[in-house]
Amino acid sequence: QVQLVESGGGLVQAGGSLRLSCLASGRAGSSNIMGWFRQAPGKEREFVAAINWRGDTTIYADSVKGRFAISRDYTKNAVYLQMNSLKPADTAVYYCAADQTLTTTPRHWDYWGQGTQVTVSS
């Protein structure tokens, strides 16, 4: 049963922008919290951003504040990550995740997508 499906990754030059999308279904679609994580080669998965069900509460990792924006569309059961001013350090596989409680710890999240690659060239 498909729960979370990401799209929108790709190759972009430093300073460019990308918009990631995540469509939720099943139990993942009714989750209170939706979020994005990323994992670079040889590194642990890290928190990027999260949003609550009303869309009025968002949190960001310090490394992306002011550059990334998370949003949610309930009519489409979707969550988005607008990424601006991208840097080579943002290169990673980006994962959509869903859970009932807000935490930045990856192992506490219940549902995960398959990931989408984002590569930022210098």
N, C-alpha and C. Protein backbone atom coordinates (compact mmCIF):
# COMPACT_ATOMS: atom_id res chain seq x y z
N GLN A 1 0.85 -1.19 0.00
CA GLN A 1 0.00 0.00 0.00
C GLN A 1 0.88 1.24 0.00
N VAL A 2 0.73 2.05 -1.03
CA VAL A 2 1.53 3.26 -1.16
C VAL A 2 1.09 4.27 -0.13
N GLN A 3 2.04 4.87 0.59
CA GLN A 3 1.72 5.82 1.63
C GLN A 3 2.21 7.23 1.29
N LEU A 4 3.50 7.38 0.95
CA LEU A 4 4.09 8.67 0.63
C LEU A 4 4.93 8.55 -0.63
N VAL A 5 4.71 9.45 -1.56
CA VAL A 5 5.46 9.44 -2.82
C VAL A 5 6.00 10.83 -3.09
N GLU A 6 7.33 10.92 -3.16
CA GLU A 6 7.98 12.21 -3.42
C GLU A 6 8.25 12.39 -4.91
N SER A 7 8.36 13.64 -5.31
CA SER A 7 8.76 13.98 -6.67
C SER A 7 9.36 15.38 -6.66
N GLY A 8 10.04 15.73 -7.77
CA GLY A 8 10.55 17.09 -7.91
C GLY A 8 12.04 17.24 -7.74
N GLY A 9 12.73 16.16 -7.39
CA GLY A 9 14.17 16.27 -7.26
C GLY A 9 14.84 16.43 -8.61
N GLY A 10 16.15 16.69 -8.58
CA GLY A 10 16.88 16.84 -9.82
C GLY A 10 18.23 17.50 -9.61
N LEU A 11 18.82 17.92 -10.71
CA LEU A 11 20.12 18.59 -10.70
C LEU A 11 19.93 20.08 -10.92
N VAL A 12 20.55 20.88 -10.08
CA VAL A 12 20.41 22.33 -10.19
C VAL A 12 21.74 22.97 -9.82
N GLN A 13 22.00 24.13 -10.38
CA GLN A 13 23.23 24.85 -10.05
C GLN A 13 23.07 25.58 -8.73
N ALA A 14 24.18 25.83 -8.08
CA ALA A 14 24.16 26.59 -6.82
C ALA A 14 23.47 27.93 -7.04
N GLY A 15 22.61 28.29 -6.08
CA GLY A 15 21.83 29.51 -6.19
C GLY A 15 20.47 29.29 -6.80
N GLY A 16 20.24 28.13 -7.37
CA GLY A 16 18.97 27.83 -8.01
C GLY A 16 17.91 27.36 -7.04
N SER A 17 16.76 26.96 -7.59
CA SER A 17 15.62 26.55 -6.78
C SER A 17 15.04 25.24 -7.28
N LEU A 18 14.43 24.52 -6.36
CA LEU A 18 13.67 23.32 -6.68
C LEU A 18 12.46 23.28 -5.75
N ARG A 19 11.41 22.62 -6.22
CA ARG A 19 10.23 22.42 -5.37
C ARG A 19 9.93 20.92 -5.31
N LEU A 20 10.01 20.38 -4.11
CA LEU A 20 9.69 18.97 -3.90
C LEU A 20 8.21 18.84 -3.53
N SER A 21 7.62 17.75 -4.00
CA SER A 21 6.22 17.45 -3.68
C SER A 21 6.14 16.07 -3.05
N CYS A 22 5.16 15.89 -2.19
CA CYS A 22 4.92 14.59 -1.56
C CYS A 22 3.42 14.37 -1.49
N LEU A 23 2.96 13.29 -2.10
CA LEU A 23 1.54 12.94 -2.05
C LEU A 23 1.34 11.82 -1.05
N ALA A 24 0.39 12.01 -0.15
CA ALA A 24 0.15 11.04 0.91
C ALA A 24 -1.14 10.27 0.67
N SER A 25 -1.16 9.02 1.08
CA SER A 25 -2.35 8.19 0.97
C SER A 25 -2.43 7.29 2.19
N GLY A 26 -3.55 6.62 2.33
CA GLY A 26 -3.71 5.70 3.44
C GLY A 26 -3.60 6.41 4.78
N ARG A 27 -3.07 5.69 5.75
CA ARG A 27 -2.94 6.26 7.09
C ARG A 27 -1.99 7.46 7.11
N ALA A 28 -0.98 7.42 6.25
CA ALA A 28 -0.04 8.54 6.20
C ALA A 28 -0.76 9.83 5.84
N GLY A 29 -1.80 9.72 5.02
CA GLY A 29 -2.52 10.90 4.60
C GLY A 29 -3.29 11.59 5.70
N SER A 30 -3.55 10.89 6.80
CA SER A 30 -4.28 11.49 7.91
C SER A 30 -3.37 11.85 9.07
N SER A 31 -2.09 11.86 8.82
CA SER A 31 -1.13 12.18 9.88
C SER A 31 -1.21 13.65 10.26
N ASN A 32 -0.95 13.90 11.53
CA ASN A 32 -1.00 15.26 12.05
C ASN A 32 0.17 16.10 11.56
N ILE A 33 1.33 15.49 11.48
CA ILE A 33 2.55 16.20 11.14
C ILE A 33 3.14 15.62 9.85
N MET A 34 3.55 16.51 8.96
CA MET A 34 4.26 16.10 7.76
C MET A 34 5.62 16.80 7.79
N GLY A 35 6.63 16.09 7.26
CA GLY A 35 7.95 16.68 7.32
C GLY A 35 8.85 16.22 6.20
N TRP A 36 10.01 16.85 6.15
CA TRP A 36 11.06 16.49 5.19
C TRP A 36 12.36 16.25 5.94
N PHE A 37 13.06 15.21 5.53
CA PHE A 37 14.38 14.89 6.02
C PHE A 37 15.29 14.74 4.81
N ARG A 38 16.59 14.69 5.07
CA ARG A 38 17.52 14.44 3.97
C ARG A 38 18.70 13.62 4.47
N GLN A 39 19.32 12.92 3.54
CA GLN A 39 20.48 12.10 3.89
C GLN A 39 21.50 12.19 2.77
N ALA A 40 22.66 12.72 3.12
CA ALA A 40 23.78 12.82 2.19
C ALA A 40 24.62 11.56 2.30
N PRO A 41 25.39 11.24 1.27
CA PRO A 41 26.23 10.04 1.30
C PRO A 41 27.17 10.04 2.50
N GLY A 42 27.18 8.93 3.23
CA GLY A 42 28.06 8.80 4.37
C GLY A 42 27.62 9.53 5.62
N LYS A 43 26.45 10.14 5.56
CA LYS A 43 25.95 10.89 6.72
C LYS A 43 24.62 10.33 7.20
N GLU A 44 24.28 10.67 8.44
CA GLU A 44 23.01 10.24 8.98
C GLU A 44 21.86 11.07 8.41
N ARG A 45 20.68 10.49 8.46
CA ARG A 45 19.49 11.23 8.01
C ARG A 45 19.24 12.38 8.97
N GLU A 46 18.95 13.56 8.43
CA GLU A 46 18.76 14.73 9.28
C GLU A 46 17.44 15.43 8.96
N PHE A 47 16.91 16.07 9.99
CA PHE A 47 15.66 16.81 9.87
C PHE A 47 15.87 18.06 9.03
N VAL A 48 14.85 18.38 8.20
CA VAL A 48 14.90 19.59 7.39
C VAL A 48 13.78 20.55 7.79
N ALA A 49 12.53 20.07 7.75
CA ALA A 49 11.39 20.95 8.05
C ALA A 49 10.17 20.10 8.37
N ALA A 50 9.22 20.70 9.09
CA ALA A 50 7.97 20.01 9.41
C ALA A 50 6.85 21.02 9.52
N ILE A 51 5.60 20.52 9.35
CA ILE A 51 4.43 21.38 9.38
C ILE A 51 3.29 20.62 10.04
N ASN A 52 2.45 21.33 10.80
CA ASN A 52 1.32 20.66 11.46
C ASN A 52 0.11 20.59 10.53
N TRP A 53 -0.97 19.95 10.98
CA TRP A 53 -2.10 19.68 10.08
C TRP A 53 -2.80 20.95 9.66
N ARG A 54 -2.80 21.98 10.50
CA ARG A 54 -3.46 23.23 10.10
C ARG A 54 -2.58 24.07 9.19
N GLY A 55 -1.28 23.74 9.19
CA GLY A 55 -0.38 24.53 8.38
C GLY A 55 0.05 25.83 9.01
N ASP A 56 -0.30 26.03 10.29
CA ASP A 56 0.03 27.29 10.94
C ASP A 56 1.26 27.19 11.84
N THR A 57 1.85 26.02 11.90
CA THR A 57 3.07 25.83 12.67
C THR A 57 4.09 25.12 11.80
N THR A 58 5.24 25.75 11.65
CA THR A 58 6.33 25.16 10.87
C THR A 58 7.62 25.27 11.65
N ILE A 59 8.49 24.32 11.49
CA ILE A 59 9.83 24.40 12.08
C ILE A 59 10.84 23.99 11.02
N TYR A 60 12.04 24.55 11.17
CA TYR A 60 13.10 24.33 10.19
C TYR A 60 14.42 24.05 10.89
N ALA A 61 15.24 23.28 10.21
CA ALA A 61 16.62 23.14 10.65
C ALA A 61 17.33 24.48 10.44
N ASP A 62 18.27 24.79 11.30
CA ASP A 62 18.99 26.06 11.17
C ASP A 62 19.66 26.21 9.81
N SER A 63 20.11 25.09 9.26
CA SER A 63 20.86 25.13 8.01
C SER A 63 20.01 25.55 6.81
N VAL A 64 18.67 25.50 6.94
CA VAL A 64 17.81 25.83 5.79
C VAL A 64 16.90 27.03 6.08
N LYS A 65 16.92 27.55 7.28
CA LYS A 65 16.05 28.69 7.62
C LYS A 65 16.31 29.86 6.68
N GLY A 66 15.22 30.45 6.21
CA GLY A 66 15.32 31.59 5.31
C GLY A 66 15.51 31.20 3.86
N ARG A 67 15.79 29.93 3.58
CA ARG A 67 15.98 29.47 2.20
C ARG A 67 14.89 28.48 1.77
N PHE A 68 14.45 27.64 2.69
CA PHE A 68 13.45 26.61 2.39
C PHE A 68 12.11 27.00 3.02
N ALA A 69 11.03 26.56 2.38
CA ALA A 69 9.69 26.80 2.93
C ALA A 69 8.84 25.55 2.73
N ILE A 70 8.22 25.09 3.82
CA ILE A 70 7.35 23.93 3.77
C ILE A 70 5.90 24.40 3.76
N SER A 71 5.06 23.71 3.00
CA SER A 71 3.64 24.05 2.94
C SER A 71 2.83 22.78 2.75
N ARG A 72 1.51 22.91 2.99
CA ARG A 72 0.66 21.73 2.97
C ARG A 72 -0.66 22.08 2.27
N ASP A 73 -1.16 21.15 1.47
CA ASP A 73 -2.43 21.33 0.77
C ASP A 73 -3.32 20.14 1.11
N TYR A 74 -4.36 20.36 1.94
CA TYR A 74 -5.21 19.28 2.37
C TYR A 74 -6.14 18.79 1.29
N THR A 75 -6.46 19.64 0.34
CA THR A 75 -7.34 19.21 -0.74
C THR A 75 -6.67 18.16 -1.60
N LYS A 76 -5.35 18.17 -1.62
CA LYS A 76 -4.59 17.22 -2.44
C LYS A 76 -3.83 16.21 -1.60
N ASN A 77 -3.96 16.30 -0.28
CA ASN A 77 -3.19 15.42 0.62
C ASN A 77 -1.70 15.49 0.28
N ALA A 78 -1.21 16.70 0.17
CA ALA A 78 0.16 16.90 -0.29
C ALA A 78 0.92 17.85 0.63
N VAL A 79 2.22 17.68 0.63
CA VAL A 79 3.12 18.60 1.32
C VAL A 79 4.24 18.95 0.35
N TYR A 80 4.71 20.19 0.44
CA TYR A 80 5.71 20.69 -0.49
C TYR A 80 6.90 21.26 0.25
N LEU A 81 8.04 21.26 -0.42
CA LEU A 81 9.23 21.91 0.11
C LEU A 81 9.82 22.77 -0.99
N GLN A 82 9.66 24.07 -0.85
CA GLN A 82 10.26 25.02 -1.79
C GLN A 82 11.67 25.31 -1.32
N MET A 83 12.65 25.04 -2.18
CA MET A 83 14.05 25.20 -1.81
C MET A 83 14.67 26.26 -2.71
N ASN A 84 15.11 27.35 -2.09
CA ASN A 84 15.72 28.46 -2.81
C ASN A 84 17.18 28.63 -2.37
N SER A 85 17.92 29.37 -3.15
CA SER A 85 19.33 29.64 -2.84
C SER A 85 20.07 28.35 -2.48
N LEU A 86 19.90 27.35 -3.30
CA LEU A 86 20.48 26.05 -3.01
C LEU A 86 22.00 26.09 -3.03
N LYS A 87 22.60 25.27 -2.16
CA LYS A 87 24.04 25.17 -2.03
C LYS A 87 24.47 23.73 -2.30
N PRO A 88 25.73 23.54 -2.67
CA PRO A 88 26.20 22.15 -2.83
C PRO A 88 26.00 21.31 -1.57
N ALA A 89 26.07 21.94 -0.41
CA ALA A 89 25.87 21.22 0.85
C ALA A 89 24.45 20.71 1.01
N ASP A 90 23.52 21.18 0.19
CA ASP A 90 22.13 20.68 0.24
C ASP A 90 21.95 19.39 -0.55
N THR A 91 22.99 18.95 -1.24
CA THR A 91 22.93 17.71 -2.01
C THR A 91 22.65 16.53 -1.10
N ALA A 92 21.59 15.79 -1.41
CA ALA A 92 21.18 14.66 -0.57
C ALA A 92 19.96 13.99 -1.20
N VAL A 93 19.60 12.85 -0.65
CA VAL A 93 18.30 12.26 -0.93
C VAL A 93 17.32 12.85 0.07
N TYR A 94 16.23 13.40 -0.44
CA TYR A 94 15.23 14.04 0.41
C TYR A 94 14.04 13.10 0.59
N TYR A 95 13.63 12.93 1.85
CA TYR A 95 12.56 12.03 2.20
C TYR A 95 11.38 12.79 2.80
N CYS A 96 10.20 12.43 2.36
CA CYS A 96 8.97 12.91 2.98
C CYS A 96 8.61 11.95 4.11
N ALA A 97 8.07 12.49 5.20
CA ALA A 97 7.72 11.66 6.34
C ALA A 97 6.43 12.16 6.99
N ALA A 98 5.76 11.26 7.69
CA ALA A 98 4.51 11.61 8.36
C ALA A 98 4.44 10.97 9.73
N ASP A 99 3.85 11.68 10.68
CA ASP A 99 3.73 11.16 12.04
C ASP A 99 2.63 11.93 12.76
N GLN A 100 2.27 11.44 13.94
CA GLN A 100 1.24 12.12 14.71
C GLN A 100 1.78 13.17 15.66
N THR A 101 3.08 13.10 15.95
CA THR A 101 3.67 14.07 16.87
C THR A 101 4.88 14.72 16.23
N LEU A 102 5.17 15.92 16.68
CA LEU A 102 6.26 16.68 16.10
C LEU A 102 7.57 16.36 16.82
N THR A 103 8.50 15.84 16.06
CA THR A 103 9.83 15.56 16.57
C THR A 103 10.82 15.69 15.42
N THR A 104 12.02 16.04 15.73
CA THR A 104 13.05 16.16 14.69
C THR A 104 13.90 14.91 14.59
N THR A 105 13.58 13.89 15.40
CA THR A 105 14.35 12.65 15.42
C THR A 105 13.80 11.68 14.39
N PRO A 106 14.57 11.30 13.39
CA PRO A 106 14.04 10.46 12.31
C PRO A 106 13.41 9.15 12.79
N ARG A 107 14.00 8.47 13.76
CA ARG A 107 13.52 7.14 14.12
C ARG A 107 12.13 7.19 14.77
N HIS A 108 11.66 8.35 15.14
CA HIS A 108 10.35 8.47 15.77
C HIS A 108 9.21 8.65 14.76
N TRP A 109 9.54 8.80 13.50
CA TRP A 109 8.50 9.04 12.49
C TRP A 109 7.98 7.71 11.96
N ASP A 110 6.67 7.64 11.74
CA ASP A 110 6.03 6.38 11.38
C ASP A 110 6.10 6.04 9.89
N TYR A 111 5.94 7.01 9.03
CA TYR A 111 5.81 6.75 7.60
C TYR A 111 6.88 7.51 6.82
N TRP A 112 7.38 6.83 5.78
CA TRP A 112 8.45 7.40 4.96
C TRP A 112 8.18 7.16 3.49
N GLY A 113 8.59 8.13 2.67
CA GLY A 113 8.59 7.92 1.24
C GLY A 113 9.87 7.25 0.80
N GLN A 114 9.99 7.04 -0.50
CA GLN A 114 11.15 6.33 -1.03
C GLN A 114 12.34 7.26 -1.26
N GLY A 115 12.10 8.56 -1.23
CA GLY A 115 13.18 9.53 -1.39
C GLY A 115 13.32 10.03 -2.82
N THR A 116 13.81 11.26 -2.94
CA THR A 116 14.09 11.85 -4.24
C THR A 116 15.44 12.56 -4.17
N GLN A 117 16.27 12.35 -5.19
CA GLN A 117 17.63 12.88 -5.18
C GLN A 117 17.64 14.36 -5.57
N VAL A 118 18.35 15.14 -4.78
CA VAL A 118 18.61 16.55 -5.09
C VAL A 118 20.11 16.72 -5.17
N THR A 119 20.59 17.20 -6.30
CA THR A 119 22.02 17.43 -6.50
C THR A 119 22.24 18.88 -6.89
N VAL A 120 23.08 19.56 -6.12
CA VAL A 120 23.38 20.97 -6.38
C VAL A 120 24.84 21.07 -6.79
N SER A 121 25.06 21.54 -8.00
CA SER A 121 26.42 21.66 -8.53
C SER A 121 26.98 23.04 -8.25
N SER A 122 28.29 23.10 -8.06
CA SER A 122 28.94 24.39 -7.74
C SER A 122 29.34 25.14 -9.01
